[in-house]
Amino acid sequence: MRQRRRVHRLLYLLLLPCLVAIGVLLLWPLGQVVVMSFHRLDNVRQLRGDRDWPWVGLDNYAQILSDPFFWTVLRNTVLFAVANVARPVSGILVVLSTIW
């Protein structure tokens, strides 16, 4: 029993660098984007590296959800994604139907 526990501890220790890398490379930028989405940003402030961004809360989200162009782009994106997933799946189904 002790041997098994020691092996499990070693396996978790070996996984730790990968989990830290995932946290740093994926979760940290995702958190930064979420925080930035609640501020008003413009290109000049970003290029200067100025971190004094005005807080707007959910106004950015209200603005984009009320824009009809957003809904057109979202519809096109969903159709594109569905078409590009359905095409290979239908090809695989055709190949499988000829095998059986």
C-alpha atoms as a PDB file:
ATOM      1  CA  MET A   1       0.000   0.000   0.000  1.00  0.00           C
ATOM      2  CA  ARG A   2       2.822   2.410   0.842  1.00  0.00           C
ATOM      3  CA  GLN A   3       4.559   1.590  -2.432  1.00  0.00           C
ATOM      4  CA  ARG A   4       1.435   2.446  -4.417  1.00  0.00           C
ATOM      5  CA  ARG A   5       0.968   5.732  -2.567  1.00  0.00           C
ATOM      6  CA  ARG A   6       4.598   6.641  -3.191  1.00  0.00           C
ATOM      7  CA  VAL A   7       4.209   5.917  -6.919  1.00  0.00           C
ATOM      8  CA  HIS A   8       1.061   8.052  -7.102  1.00  0.00           C
ATOM      9  CA  ARG A   9       2.844  10.892  -5.335  1.00  0.00           C
ATOM     10  CA  LEU A  10       5.707  10.649  -7.827  1.00  0.00           C
ATOM     11  CA  LEU A  11       3.299  10.684 -10.775  1.00  0.00           C
ATOM     12  CA  TYR A  12       1.585  13.806  -9.482  1.00  0.00           C
ATOM     13  CA  LEU A  13       4.964  15.421  -8.921  1.00  0.00           C
ATOM     14  CA  LEU A  14       5.934  14.657 -12.528  1.00  0.00           C
ATOM     15  CA  LEU A  15       2.652  16.160 -13.769  1.00  0.00           C
ATOM     16  CA  LEU A  16       3.165  19.369 -11.811  1.00  0.00           C
ATOM     17  CA  PRO A  17       5.377  21.165 -14.398  1.00  0.00           C
ATOM     18  CA  CYS A  18       2.815  20.494 -17.136  1.00  0.00           C
ATOM     19  CA  LEU A  19      -0.018  21.814 -14.999  1.00  0.00           C
ATOM     20  CA  VAL A  20       1.977  24.930 -14.139  1.00  0.00           C
ATOM     21  CA  ALA A  21       2.737  25.474 -17.852  1.00  0.00           C
ATOM     22  CA  ILE A  22      -0.944  25.115 -18.742  1.00  0.00           C
ATOM     23  CA  GLY A  23      -1.840  27.591 -16.027  1.00  0.00           C
ATOM     24  CA  VAL A  24       0.732  30.128 -17.156  1.00  0.00           C
ATOM     25  CA  LEU A  25       0.253  29.776 -20.904  1.00  0.00           C
ATOM     26  CA  LEU A  26      -3.533  29.334 -21.063  1.00  0.00           C
ATOM     27  CA  LEU A  27      -5.304  30.419 -17.908  1.00  0.00           C
ATOM     28  CA  TRP A  28      -3.336  33.606 -17.186  1.00  0.00           C
ATOM     29  CA  PRO A  29      -3.996  35.186 -20.636  1.00  0.00           C
ATOM     30  CA  LEU A  30      -7.639  34.117 -20.417  1.00  0.00           C
ATOM     31  CA  GLY A  31      -7.963  35.879 -17.070  1.00  0.00           C
ATOM     32  CA  GLN A  32      -6.284  38.992 -18.471  1.00  0.00           C
ATOM     33  CA  VAL A  33      -8.724  39.096 -21.386  1.00  0.00           C
ATOM     34  CA  VAL A  34     -11.695  38.801 -19.043  1.00  0.00           C
ATOM     35  CA  VAL A  35     -10.389  41.662 -16.903  1.00  0.00           C
ATOM     36  CA  MET A  36      -9.660  43.794 -19.991  1.00  0.00           C
ATOM     37  CA  SER A  37     -13.165  43.203 -21.342  1.00  0.00           C
ATOM     38  CA  PHE A  38     -14.599  45.276 -18.469  1.00  0.00           C
ATOM     39  CA  HIS A  39     -12.461  48.320 -19.381  1.00  0.00           C
ATOM     40  CA  ARG A  40     -12.542  50.802 -22.237  1.00  0.00           C
ATOM     41  CA  LEU A  41      -9.416  50.316 -24.315  1.00  0.00           C
ATOM     42  CA  ASP A  42      -8.133  52.124 -27.347  1.00  0.00           C
ATOM     43  CA  ASN A  43      -5.106  51.434 -29.499  1.00  0.00           C
ATOM     44  CA  VAL A  44      -3.163  54.481 -28.312  1.00  0.00           C
ATOM     45  CA  ARG A  45      -3.332  53.431 -24.653  1.00  0.00           C
ATOM     46  CA  GLN A  46      -2.384  49.879 -25.510  1.00  0.00           C
ATOM     47  CA  LEU A  47       0.592  50.909 -27.668  1.00  0.00           C
ATOM     48  CA  ARG A  48       1.905  53.230 -24.954  1.00  0.00           C
ATOM     49  CA  GLY A  49       1.563  50.475 -22.387  1.00  0.00           C
ATOM     50  CA  ASP A  50      -0.695  52.683 -20.262  1.00  0.00           C
ATOM     51  CA  ARG A  51      -2.552  50.587 -17.673  1.00  0.00           C
ATOM     52  CA  ASP A  52      -4.922  53.393 -16.632  1.00  0.00           C
ATOM     53  CA  TRP A  53      -7.995  52.058 -18.430  1.00  0.00           C
ATOM     54  CA  PRO A  54     -11.430  53.445 -17.514  1.00  0.00           C
ATOM     55  CA  TRP A  55     -13.813  50.891 -16.009  1.00  0.00           C
ATOM     56  CA  VAL A  56     -17.011  50.418 -18.045  1.00  0.00           C
ATOM     57  CA  GLY A  57     -18.350  47.200 -16.521  1.00  0.00           C
ATOM     58  CA  LEU A  58     -20.869  45.419 -18.718  1.00  0.00           C
ATOM     59  CA  ASP A  59     -21.247  48.316 -21.189  1.00  0.00           C
ATOM     60  CA  ASN A  60     -18.939  46.631 -23.700  1.00  0.00           C
ATOM     61  CA  TYR A  61     -21.114  43.514 -23.647  1.00  0.00           C
ATOM     62  CA  ALA A  62     -24.354  45.515 -23.906  1.00  0.00           C
ATOM     63  CA  GLN A  63     -22.932  47.400 -26.881  1.00  0.00           C
ATOM     64  CA  ILE A  64     -21.897  44.291 -28.786  1.00  0.00           C
ATOM     65  CA  LEU A  65     -25.129  42.412 -28.056  1.00  0.00           C
ATOM     66  CA  SER A  66     -27.176  45.317 -29.411  1.00  0.00           C
ATOM     67  CA  ASP A  67     -25.157  45.493 -32.645  1.00  0.00           C
ATOM     68  CA  PRO A  68     -26.903  43.671 -35.543  1.00  0.00           C
ATOM     69  CA  PHE A  69     -23.553  43.103 -37.284  1.00  0.00           C
ATOM     70  CA  PHE A  70     -22.435  40.958 -34.326  1.00  0.00           C
ATOM     71  CA  TRP A  71     -25.382  38.618 -34.788  1.00  0.00           C
ATOM     72  CA  THR A  72     -24.648  38.309 -38.524  1.00  0.00           C
ATOM     73  CA  VAL A  73     -21.024  37.458 -37.811  1.00  0.00           C
ATOM     74  CA  LEU A  74     -22.019  34.986 -35.089  1.00  0.00           C
ATOM     75  CA  ARG A  75     -24.477  33.242 -37.434  1.00  0.00           C
ATOM     76  CA  ASN A  76     -21.841  32.993 -40.175  1.00  0.00           C
ATOM     77  CA  THR A  77     -19.283  31.631 -37.719  1.00  0.00           C
ATOM     78  CA  VAL A  78     -21.662  28.961 -36.425  1.00  0.00           C
ATOM     79  CA  LEU A  79     -22.621  27.923 -39.973  1.00  0.00           C
ATOM     80  CA  PHE A  80     -18.959  27.765 -40.974  1.00  0.00           C
ATOM     81  CA  ALA A  81     -18.084  25.634 -37.934  1.00  0.00           C
ATOM     82  CA  VAL A  82     -21.016  23.262 -38.465  1.00  0.00           C
ATOM     83  CA  ALA A  83     -20.222  22.861 -42.170  1.00  0.00           C
ATOM     84  CA  ASN A  84     -16.557  22.166 -41.505  1.00  0.00           C
ATOM     85  CA  VAL A  85     -17.351  19.574 -38.858  1.00  0.00           C
ATOM     86  CA  ALA A  86     -20.168  17.935 -40.843  1.00  0.00           C
ATOM     87  CA  ARG A  87     -18.142  17.520 -44.041  1.00  0.00           C
ATOM     88  CA  PRO A  88     -15.450  15.189 -42.633  1.00  0.00           C
ATOM     89  CA  VAL A  89     -17.990  13.330 -40.525  1.00  0.00           C
ATOM     90  CA  SER A  90     -20.180  12.707 -43.568  1.00  0.00           C
ATOM     91  CA  GLY A  91     -17.114  11.520 -45.492  1.00  0.00           C
ATOM     92  CA  ILE A  92     -16.265   9.069 -42.730  1.00  0.00           C
ATOM     93  CA  LEU A  93     -19.864   7.821 -42.701  1.00  0.00           C
ATOM     94  CA  VAL A  94     -19.751   7.251 -46.474  1.00  0.00           C
ATOM     95  CA  VAL A  95     -16.522   5.277 -46.149  1.00  0.00           C
ATOM     96  CA  LEU A  96     -17.923   3.231 -43.281  1.00  0.00           C
ATOM     97  CA  SER A  97     -21.131   2.520 -45.189  1.00  0.00           C
ATOM     98  CA  THR A  98     -19.152   1.119 -48.136  1.00  0.00           C
ATOM     99  CA  ILE A  99     -17.129  -1.134 -45.826  1.00  0.00           C
ATOM    100  CA  TRP A 100     -20.162  -2.695 -44.186  1.00  0.00           C
END
